[in-house]
Amino acid sequence: MEMERDFVTFTDDDGNEFELDVIDYFDFEGDEYAVLMDLSALPEECECEDEDCECMPEQDVYIMKVVINGEMEEFVPADEDKMDQLAAIVEERLSEGCCCDDECDDDCDCGCHDHE
């Protein structure tokens, strides 16, 4: 089943457009933040059960502050002085996550149920 992507288009310093997928939202100190990654670079299928798997390349994770401007959401860089705290929150949230997007069950091999 193909999942609908929630992505944001950015433009780099050279004018090139690129897309990042929004993989999570969370609140911190009264502000909303988004966690973004380039999921299009991940392989379609991977048979590895190890997080150090060679078919799962290391991904950059971006933390952006979500600012509402009228009816539009804008993604702006998070404050540098909060980045250590934000990174710790994101790391914890990602380590708790399930690769099955809440569709897994006890027969799933994702490992989510191993620590219940």
N, C-alpha and C. Protein backbone atom coordinates (compact mmCIF):
# COMPACT_ATOMS: atom_id res chain seq x y z
N MET A 1 0.85 -1.17 0.00
CA MET A 1 0.00 0.00 0.00
C MET A 1 0.90 1.25 0.00
N GLU A 2 0.68 2.14 -0.91
CA GLU A 2 1.44 3.39 -1.03
C GLU A 2 0.89 4.41 -0.05
N MET A 3 1.79 4.96 0.78
CA MET A 3 1.36 5.98 1.74
C MET A 3 1.47 7.35 1.08
N GLU A 4 0.58 8.25 1.46
CA GLU A 4 0.65 9.61 0.96
C GLU A 4 1.79 10.33 1.66
N ARG A 5 2.65 10.97 0.88
CA ARG A 5 3.79 11.68 1.44
C ARG A 5 3.39 13.07 1.88
N ASP A 6 3.91 13.48 3.03
CA ASP A 6 3.75 14.84 3.53
C ASP A 6 5.13 15.47 3.37
N PHE A 7 5.30 16.29 2.35
CA PHE A 7 6.63 16.83 2.08
C PHE A 7 6.59 18.33 1.88
N VAL A 8 7.77 18.94 2.02
CA VAL A 8 7.93 20.38 1.86
C VAL A 8 9.03 20.60 0.81
N THR A 9 8.81 21.54 -0.08
CA THR A 9 9.81 21.87 -1.09
C THR A 9 10.63 23.07 -0.62
N PHE A 10 11.94 22.92 -0.66
CA PHE A 10 12.87 23.97 -0.28
C PHE A 10 13.71 24.35 -1.49
N THR A 11 14.34 25.51 -1.42
CA THR A 11 15.28 25.95 -2.45
C THR A 11 16.62 26.21 -1.79
N ASP A 12 17.69 25.60 -2.35
CA ASP A 12 19.01 25.80 -1.75
C ASP A 12 19.63 27.12 -2.23
N ASP A 13 20.84 27.41 -1.76
CA ASP A 13 21.51 28.67 -2.08
C ASP A 13 21.77 28.86 -3.57
N ASP A 14 21.82 27.74 -4.33
CA ASP A 14 22.06 27.81 -5.76
C ASP A 14 20.78 27.86 -6.59
N GLY A 15 19.62 27.91 -5.91
CA GLY A 15 18.35 27.98 -6.61
C GLY A 15 17.76 26.63 -6.98
N ASN A 16 18.39 25.54 -6.53
CA ASN A 16 17.89 24.20 -6.83
C ASN A 16 16.81 23.81 -5.82
N GLU A 17 15.70 23.27 -6.32
CA GLU A 17 14.63 22.83 -5.44
C GLU A 17 14.87 21.39 -5.02
N PHE A 18 14.50 21.09 -3.77
CA PHE A 18 14.55 19.73 -3.27
C PHE A 18 13.42 19.53 -2.27
N GLU A 19 13.01 18.28 -2.09
CA GLU A 19 11.90 17.96 -1.21
C GLU A 19 12.40 17.20 0.01
N LEU A 20 11.82 17.51 1.15
CA LEU A 20 12.05 16.75 2.38
C LEU A 20 10.71 16.28 2.90
N ASP A 21 10.67 15.05 3.37
CA ASP A 21 9.46 14.48 3.93
C ASP A 21 9.34 14.86 5.40
N VAL A 22 8.14 15.27 5.80
CA VAL A 22 7.86 15.54 7.21
C VAL A 22 7.54 14.19 7.85
N ILE A 23 8.38 13.77 8.79
CA ILE A 23 8.16 12.47 9.42
C ILE A 23 7.57 12.58 10.82
N ASP A 24 7.58 13.79 11.39
CA ASP A 24 7.04 13.96 12.73
C ASP A 24 6.84 15.43 13.03
N TYR A 25 5.90 15.72 13.91
CA TYR A 25 5.69 17.06 14.47
C TYR A 25 5.72 16.92 15.99
N PHE A 26 6.21 17.93 16.68
CA PHE A 26 6.16 17.92 18.14
C PHE A 26 6.20 19.36 18.64
N ASP A 27 5.76 19.55 19.89
CA ASP A 27 5.75 20.86 20.52
C ASP A 27 6.88 20.95 21.53
N PHE A 28 7.50 22.13 21.63
CA PHE A 28 8.55 22.38 22.60
C PHE A 28 8.49 23.85 22.99
N GLU A 29 8.34 24.10 24.26
CA GLU A 29 8.29 25.46 24.81
C GLU A 29 7.30 26.35 24.06
N GLY A 30 6.13 25.81 23.77
CA GLY A 30 5.06 26.59 23.15
C GLY A 30 5.16 26.76 21.65
N ASP A 31 6.18 26.18 21.03
CA ASP A 31 6.33 26.26 19.57
C ASP A 31 6.20 24.88 18.96
N GLU A 32 5.77 24.84 17.70
CA GLU A 32 5.67 23.57 16.98
C GLU A 32 6.91 23.39 16.11
N TYR A 33 7.41 22.16 16.08
CA TYR A 33 8.58 21.82 15.28
C TYR A 33 8.26 20.63 14.40
N ALA A 34 8.97 20.53 13.29
CA ALA A 34 8.82 19.41 12.37
C ALA A 34 10.17 18.72 12.20
N VAL A 35 10.10 17.41 12.04
CA VAL A 35 11.29 16.61 11.76
C VAL A 35 11.18 16.20 10.30
N LEU A 36 12.23 16.50 9.52
CA LEU A 36 12.20 16.24 8.08
C LEU A 36 13.39 15.38 7.67
N MET A 37 13.15 14.54 6.66
CA MET A 37 14.20 13.70 6.08
C MET A 37 13.92 13.55 4.58
N ASP A 38 14.94 13.16 3.84
CA ASP A 38 14.77 12.87 2.42
C ASP A 38 14.50 11.38 2.27
N LEU A 39 13.23 11.00 2.34
CA LEU A 39 12.87 9.58 2.27
C LEU A 39 12.94 9.03 0.86
N SER A 40 12.99 9.90 -0.14
CA SER A 40 13.07 9.41 -1.52
C SER A 40 14.41 8.74 -1.79
N ALA A 41 15.41 9.00 -0.95
CA ALA A 41 16.73 8.41 -1.14
C ALA A 41 16.83 7.01 -0.53
N LEU A 42 15.83 6.59 0.22
CA LEU A 42 15.86 5.27 0.84
C LEU A 42 15.48 4.20 -0.17
N PRO A 43 16.05 3.01 -0.04
CA PRO A 43 15.69 1.92 -0.96
C PRO A 43 14.25 1.48 -0.72
N GLU A 44 13.61 0.95 -1.78
CA GLU A 44 12.22 0.51 -1.69
C GLU A 44 12.05 -0.60 -0.67
N GLU A 45 12.91 -1.60 -0.73
CA GLU A 45 12.80 -2.72 0.18
C GLU A 45 14.16 -3.05 0.74
N CYS A 46 14.16 -3.47 1.97
CA CYS A 46 15.41 -3.86 2.61
C CYS A 46 15.11 -5.08 3.47
N GLU A 47 15.88 -6.13 3.31
CA GLU A 47 15.65 -7.37 4.04
C GLU A 47 16.43 -7.41 5.35
N CYS A 48 17.24 -6.40 5.63
CA CYS A 48 18.07 -6.40 6.83
C CYS A 48 17.23 -6.18 8.08
N GLU A 49 17.64 -6.80 9.16
CA GLU A 49 16.98 -6.59 10.44
C GLU A 49 17.90 -5.83 11.38
N ASP A 50 19.02 -5.38 10.89
CA ASP A 50 20.05 -4.71 11.69
C ASP A 50 20.06 -3.23 11.33
N GLU A 51 20.10 -2.35 12.34
CA GLU A 51 20.09 -0.92 12.05
C GLU A 51 21.36 -0.45 11.36
N ASP A 52 22.43 -1.26 11.38
CA ASP A 52 23.66 -0.93 10.67
C ASP A 52 23.67 -1.51 9.26
N CYS A 53 22.53 -1.87 8.78
CA CYS A 53 22.36 -2.48 7.47
C CYS A 53 22.93 -1.59 6.37
N GLU A 54 23.58 -2.21 5.40
CA GLU A 54 24.19 -1.45 4.31
C GLU A 54 23.17 -0.90 3.33
N CYS A 55 21.98 -1.48 3.25
CA CYS A 55 21.00 -0.97 2.30
C CYS A 55 20.21 0.20 2.88
N MET A 56 20.44 0.54 4.13
CA MET A 56 19.79 1.69 4.76
C MET A 56 20.84 2.77 4.97
N PRO A 57 21.00 3.67 4.01
CA PRO A 57 22.03 4.70 4.14
C PRO A 57 21.73 5.65 5.29
N GLU A 58 22.78 6.21 5.87
CA GLU A 58 22.60 7.19 6.93
C GLU A 58 21.88 8.41 6.35
N GLN A 59 20.88 8.88 7.05
CA GLN A 59 20.06 9.99 6.57
C GLN A 59 20.28 11.23 7.42
N ASP A 60 20.30 12.38 6.78
CA ASP A 60 20.32 13.64 7.50
C ASP A 60 18.91 13.89 8.03
N VAL A 61 18.84 14.37 9.27
CA VAL A 61 17.57 14.71 9.89
C VAL A 61 17.57 16.21 10.12
N TYR A 62 16.51 16.87 9.70
CA TYR A 62 16.40 18.32 9.83
C TYR A 62 15.29 18.64 10.83
N ILE A 63 15.55 19.60 11.71
CA ILE A 63 14.56 20.06 12.67
C ILE A 63 14.23 21.50 12.32
N MET A 64 12.97 21.74 11.99
CA MET A 64 12.54 23.07 11.58
C MET A 64 11.39 23.53 12.47
N LYS A 65 11.37 24.82 12.74
CA LYS A 65 10.27 25.43 13.50
C LYS A 65 9.14 25.70 12.51
N VAL A 66 7.92 25.39 12.93
CA VAL A 66 6.74 25.62 12.09
C VAL A 66 6.12 26.95 12.52
N VAL A 67 6.04 27.87 11.57
CA VAL A 67 5.47 29.18 11.83
C VAL A 67 4.24 29.34 10.94
N ILE A 68 3.12 29.72 11.55
CA ILE A 68 1.89 29.93 10.79
C ILE A 68 1.87 31.37 10.30
N ASN A 69 1.77 31.53 8.99
CA ASN A 69 1.73 32.85 8.36
C ASN A 69 0.42 32.91 7.58
N GLY A 70 -0.60 33.47 8.21
CA GLY A 70 -1.93 33.46 7.58
C GLY A 70 -2.47 32.04 7.63
N GLU A 71 -2.73 31.47 6.47
CA GLU A 71 -3.18 30.07 6.40
C GLU A 71 -2.07 29.13 5.96
N MET A 72 -0.87 29.66 5.78
CA MET A 72 0.25 28.86 5.31
C MET A 72 1.18 28.48 6.46
N GLU A 73 1.71 27.26 6.40
CA GLU A 73 2.75 26.83 7.32
C GLU A 73 4.10 27.14 6.68
N GLU A 74 4.96 27.80 7.43
CA GLU A 74 6.32 28.04 6.96
C GLU A 74 7.27 27.26 7.84
N PHE A 75 8.30 26.71 7.24
CA PHE A 75 9.30 25.96 7.97
C PHE A 75 10.57 26.80 8.00
N VAL A 76 10.98 27.21 9.20
CA VAL A 76 12.15 28.05 9.36
C VAL A 76 13.16 27.31 10.25
N PRO A 77 14.44 27.63 10.11
CA PRO A 77 15.44 26.95 10.94
C PRO A 77 15.14 27.17 12.43
N ALA A 78 15.36 26.12 13.21
CA ALA A 78 15.17 26.21 14.65
C ALA A 78 16.27 27.08 15.25
N ASP A 79 15.98 27.69 16.39
CA ASP A 79 16.97 28.52 17.09
C ASP A 79 18.17 27.67 17.49
N GLU A 80 19.35 28.16 17.18
CA GLU A 80 20.60 27.44 17.51
C GLU A 80 20.71 27.14 18.99
N ASP A 81 20.27 28.08 19.85
CA ASP A 81 20.42 27.88 21.29
C ASP A 81 19.50 26.78 21.83
N LYS A 82 18.53 26.33 21.04
CA LYS A 82 17.64 25.24 21.45
C LYS A 82 17.97 23.93 20.77
N MET A 83 18.93 23.94 19.86
CA MET A 83 19.17 22.78 19.00
C MET A 83 19.57 21.53 19.78
N ASP A 84 20.39 21.66 20.82
CA ASP A 84 20.77 20.47 21.59
C ASP A 84 19.55 19.82 22.24
N GLN A 85 18.66 20.63 22.80
CA GLN A 85 17.44 20.10 23.43
C GLN A 85 16.52 19.49 22.38
N LEU A 86 16.37 20.17 21.25
CA LEU A 86 15.50 19.66 20.18
C LEU A 86 16.05 18.35 19.62
N ALA A 87 17.36 18.28 19.43
CA ALA A 87 17.97 17.06 18.89
C ALA A 87 17.76 15.88 19.85
N ALA A 88 17.84 16.13 21.15
CA ALA A 88 17.61 15.06 22.12
C ALA A 88 16.17 14.57 22.06
N ILE A 89 15.22 15.49 21.91
CA ILE A 89 13.81 15.12 21.81
C ILE A 89 13.58 14.29 20.55
N VAL A 90 14.14 14.73 19.44
CA VAL A 90 13.95 14.02 18.17
C VAL A 90 14.59 12.63 18.24
N GLU A 91 15.77 12.54 18.80
CA GLU A 91 16.44 11.24 18.90
C GLU A 91 15.59 10.26 19.71
N GLU A 92 15.02 10.73 20.81
CA GLU A 92 14.17 9.88 21.63
C GLU A 92 12.91 9.46 20.87
N ARG A 93 12.28 10.43 20.17
CA ARG A 93 11.06 10.13 19.43
C ARG A 93 11.33 9.14 18.30
N LEU A 94 12.46 9.29 17.61
CA LEU A 94 12.77 8.39 16.50
C LEU A 94 13.11 6.99 17.00
N SER A 95 13.75 6.90 18.16
CA SER A 95 14.10 5.58 18.68
C SER A 95 12.87 4.83 19.16
N GLU A 96 11.80 5.55 19.52
CA GLU A 96 10.55 4.93 19.95
C GLU A 96 9.65 4.58 18.77
N GLY A 97 9.94 5.13 17.60
CA GLY A 97 9.05 5.00 16.45
C GLY A 97 8.96 3.60 15.90
N CYS A 98 7.92 3.39 15.17
CA CYS A 98 7.69 2.11 14.50
C CYS A 98 7.75 2.34 13.01
N CYS A 99 8.50 1.52 12.32
CA CYS A 99 8.65 1.66 10.88
C CYS A 99 7.37 1.30 10.13
N CYS A 100 6.41 0.74 10.86
CA CYS A 100 5.18 0.29 10.22
C CYS A 100 4.07 1.33 10.27
N ASP A 101 4.36 2.53 10.80
CA ASP A 101 3.39 3.62 10.85
C ASP A 101 2.07 3.19 11.48
N ASP A 102 2.15 2.59 12.66
CA ASP A 102 0.98 2.19 13.45
C ASP A 102 0.13 1.12 12.78
N GLU A 103 0.64 0.48 11.74
CA GLU A 103 -0.12 -0.57 11.08
C GLU A 103 0.41 -1.95 11.43
N CYS A 104 1.40 -2.01 12.32
CA CYS A 104 1.99 -3.31 12.62
C CYS A 104 1.15 -4.06 13.64
N ASP A 105 1.35 -5.35 13.67
CA ASP A 105 0.68 -6.18 14.65
C ASP A 105 1.71 -7.13 15.25
N ASP A 106 1.28 -8.08 16.04
CA ASP A 106 2.21 -8.97 16.72
C ASP A 106 2.99 -9.85 15.75
N ASP A 107 2.52 -9.99 14.51
CA ASP A 107 3.21 -10.83 13.53
C ASP A 107 4.26 -10.05 12.74
N CYS A 108 4.34 -8.76 12.94
CA CYS A 108 5.27 -7.91 12.21
C CYS A 108 6.70 -8.18 12.67
N ASP A 109 7.65 -8.11 11.77
CA ASP A 109 9.06 -8.34 12.10
C ASP A 109 9.83 -7.06 12.41
N CYS A 110 9.13 -5.97 12.67
CA CYS A 110 9.82 -4.69 12.86
C CYS A 110 10.52 -4.59 14.21
N GLY A 111 10.14 -5.43 15.18
CA GLY A 111 10.77 -5.39 16.49
C GLY A 111 10.07 -4.48 17.47
N CYS A 112 9.02 -3.81 17.04
CA CYS A 112 8.31 -2.88 17.92
C CYS A 112 7.74 -3.56 19.15
N HIS A 113 7.37 -4.82 19.01
CA HIS A 113 6.71 -5.53 20.10
C HIS A 113 7.70 -6.27 20.99
N ASP A 114 8.98 -6.24 20.64
CA ASP A 114 9.98 -6.96 21.41
C ASP A 114 10.17 -6.40 22.82
N HIS A 115 9.89 -5.12 23.01
CA HIS A 115 10.14 -4.50 24.31
C HIS A 115 8.85 -4.15 25.04
N GLU A 116 7.73 -4.69 24.64
CA GLU A 116 6.45 -4.43 25.34
C GLU A 116 6.33 -5.31 26.55
